[in-house]
Amino acid sequence: MQQGSRTLARDIATVILVAVACPVALFGGALASCAAQGLTPSCAINGVLVSPVLLLAAGALAGILTRGWSGLGLVVVGVVLGLIAVPLVAGAAGNPVPIDPIQGVIAMIWFLPPVALGYGIARGIARLIGRSPAGPR
């Protein structure tokens, strides 16, 4: 039973990690500096370049925590929860973001591929390490 509780804890940690990564990627890093400077083309480019890298890293960490198709499903659930958190965080910060279903789908298209790619890369590396003669036994 100990193994099952560890797996459940890792699955929950995966969902939380990815759900937190979405608002952090949107509001953190380069975009936070845009608030101080104003929206300039260079700041917007930094935000476009930094956000996918943060999401890729979150996906890779999720791939380390969990595995399989169920793990990928948990990553998708985490992205959906993270996208739900975005307008809540913006509203709490005093800048409510009106969002409609079309914008939600566009955000999903923007956020999910980097996270899923990071997950896939981490799982691929884990499989390669597991198959190597010097890998874990």
Protein backbone atom coordinates (compact mmCIF):
# COMPACT_ATOMS: atom_id res chain seq x y z
CA MET A 1 0.00 0.00 0.00
CA GLN A 2 2.96 2.30 0.55
CA GLN A 3 3.74 2.28 -3.19
CA GLY A 4 0.16 3.37 -4.04
CA SER A 5 0.28 6.35 -1.69
CA ARG A 6 3.62 7.46 -3.14
CA THR A 7 2.21 7.27 -6.65
CA LEU A 8 -0.87 9.24 -5.62
CA ALA A 9 1.30 11.91 -4.00
CA ARG A 10 3.43 12.17 -7.16
CA ASP A 11 0.30 12.44 -9.32
CA ILE A 12 -1.12 15.20 -7.13
CA ALA A 13 2.24 16.99 -7.16
CA THR A 14 2.25 16.77 -10.97
CA VAL A 15 -1.15 18.42 -11.28
CA ILE A 16 -0.22 21.15 -8.78
CA LEU A 17 3.14 21.79 -10.48
CA VAL A 18 1.62 22.24 -13.93
CA ALA A 19 -1.35 24.23 -12.61
CA VAL A 20 1.00 26.68 -10.87
CA ALA A 21 3.34 26.87 -13.87
CA CYS A 22 0.67 28.33 -16.17
CA PRO A 23 -0.01 31.55 -14.22
CA VAL A 24 3.68 31.85 -13.32
CA ALA A 25 4.66 31.60 -16.98
CA LEU A 26 2.07 34.22 -17.90
CA PHE A 27 2.54 36.72 -15.08
CA GLY A 28 6.07 35.97 -13.89
CA GLY A 29 9.48 36.69 -15.27
CA ALA A 30 9.58 38.94 -18.29
CA LEU A 31 5.91 39.90 -18.15
CA ALA A 32 6.31 41.26 -14.62
CA SER A 33 8.95 43.64 -15.95
CA CYS A 34 6.49 44.76 -18.63
CA ALA A 35 4.22 46.11 -15.91
CA ALA A 36 7.00 48.37 -14.66
CA GLN A 37 8.26 49.44 -18.12
CA GLY A 38 5.00 49.43 -19.99
CA LEU A 39 4.30 47.12 -22.87
CA THR A 40 7.16 47.59 -25.32
CA PRO A 41 8.01 45.38 -28.29
CA SER A 42 11.20 44.09 -26.61
CA CYS A 43 9.31 43.25 -23.41
CA ALA A 44 6.60 41.42 -25.36
CA ILE A 45 9.23 39.39 -27.23
CA ASN A 46 10.88 38.45 -23.92
CA GLY A 47 7.52 37.26 -22.60
CA VAL A 48 6.89 35.20 -25.72
CA LEU A 49 10.33 33.59 -25.44
CA VAL A 50 10.40 33.02 -21.67
CA SER A 51 6.90 31.59 -21.14
CA PRO A 52 7.36 28.46 -23.31
CA VAL A 53 10.70 27.73 -21.65
CA LEU A 54 9.09 27.84 -18.20
CA LEU A 55 6.26 25.61 -19.43
CA LEU A 56 8.74 23.20 -21.02
CA ALA A 57 10.60 22.95 -17.70
CA ALA A 58 7.34 22.33 -15.83
CA GLY A 59 6.48 19.56 -18.28
CA ALA A 60 9.90 17.98 -17.83
CA LEU A 61 9.51 18.03 -14.05
CA ALA A 62 6.05 16.49 -14.45
CA GLY A 63 7.63 13.77 -16.61
CA ILE A 64 10.06 13.02 -13.79
CA LEU A 65 7.25 12.83 -11.23
CA THR A 66 4.81 10.64 -13.15
CA ARG A 67 4.67 8.49 -16.26
CA GLY A 68 2.48 6.91 -18.90
CA TRP A 69 -0.70 8.00 -20.59
CA SER A 70 -2.31 8.65 -17.24
CA GLY A 71 0.56 11.01 -16.42
CA LEU A 72 -0.01 12.86 -19.69
CA GLY A 73 -3.69 13.09 -18.76
CA LEU A 74 -2.70 14.59 -15.42
CA VAL A 75 -0.57 17.13 -17.27
CA VAL A 76 -3.61 18.13 -19.35
CA VAL A 77 -5.70 18.44 -16.18
CA GLY A 78 -2.97 20.61 -14.66
CA VAL A 79 -2.93 22.91 -17.71
CA VAL A 80 -6.72 23.27 -17.58
CA LEU A 81 -6.59 24.07 -13.85
CA GLY A 82 -3.76 26.53 -14.50
CA LEU A 83 -5.76 28.27 -17.20
CA ILE A 84 -8.71 28.50 -14.82
CA ALA A 85 -6.34 30.04 -12.26
CA VAL A 86 -5.13 32.74 -14.68
CA PRO A 87 -8.27 34.92 -14.55
CA LEU A 88 -8.60 34.26 -10.81
CA VAL A 89 -5.04 35.45 -10.17
CA ALA A 90 -5.54 38.45 -12.46
CA GLY A 91 -8.77 39.35 -10.65
CA ALA A 92 -7.10 39.04 -7.25
CA ALA A 93 -4.31 41.33 -8.49
CA GLY A 94 -6.92 43.96 -9.36
CA ASN A 95 -6.73 43.48 -13.12
CA PRO A 96 -9.71 41.28 -13.99
CA VAL A 97 -9.38 39.49 -17.31
CA PRO A 98 -12.63 38.83 -19.10
CA ILE A 99 -12.23 35.51 -20.88
CA ASP A 100 -14.55 33.68 -23.21
CA PRO A 101 -14.43 30.06 -24.40
CA ILE A 102 -12.66 30.96 -27.67
CA GLN A 103 -9.84 32.66 -25.76
CA GLY A 104 -9.67 29.65 -23.45
CA VAL A 105 -9.14 27.34 -26.43
CA ILE A 106 -6.47 29.66 -27.84
CA ALA A 107 -4.72 29.73 -24.44
CA MET A 108 -4.89 25.93 -24.29
CA ILE A 109 -3.26 25.75 -27.73
CA TRP A 110 -0.52 28.10 -26.48
CA PHE A 111 0.14 26.46 -23.09
CA LEU A 112 -0.35 22.73 -23.66
CA PRO A 113 2.26 21.95 -26.38
CA PRO A 114 5.33 23.16 -24.42
CA VAL A 115 4.21 21.33 -21.28
CA ALA A 116 3.43 18.14 -23.22
CA LEU A 117 6.73 18.38 -25.11
CA GLY A 118 8.67 18.73 -21.84
CA TYR A 119 6.77 15.75 -20.43
CA GLY A 120 7.57 13.69 -23.54
CA ILE A 121 11.25 14.59 -23.48
CA ALA A 122 11.58 13.66 -19.80
CA ARG A 123 9.75 10.35 -20.31
CA GLY A 124 11.86 9.56 -23.40
CA ILE A 125 15.08 10.16 -21.50
CA ALA A 126 13.79 8.05 -18.60
CA ARG A 127 13.04 5.18 -20.99
CA LEU A 128 16.48 5.45 -22.59
CA ILE A 129 18.17 5.39 -19.20
CA GLY A 130 16.02 2.44 -18.12
CA ARG A 131 16.98 0.42 -21.22
CA SER A 132 20.70 1.11 -21.11
CA PRO A 133 22.94 -1.66 -19.73
CA ALA A 134 24.22 0.70 -17.06
CA GLY A 135 20.70 1.91 -16.19
CA PRO A 136 18.77 1.20 -13.00
CA ARG A 137 17.94 -2.43 -12.30
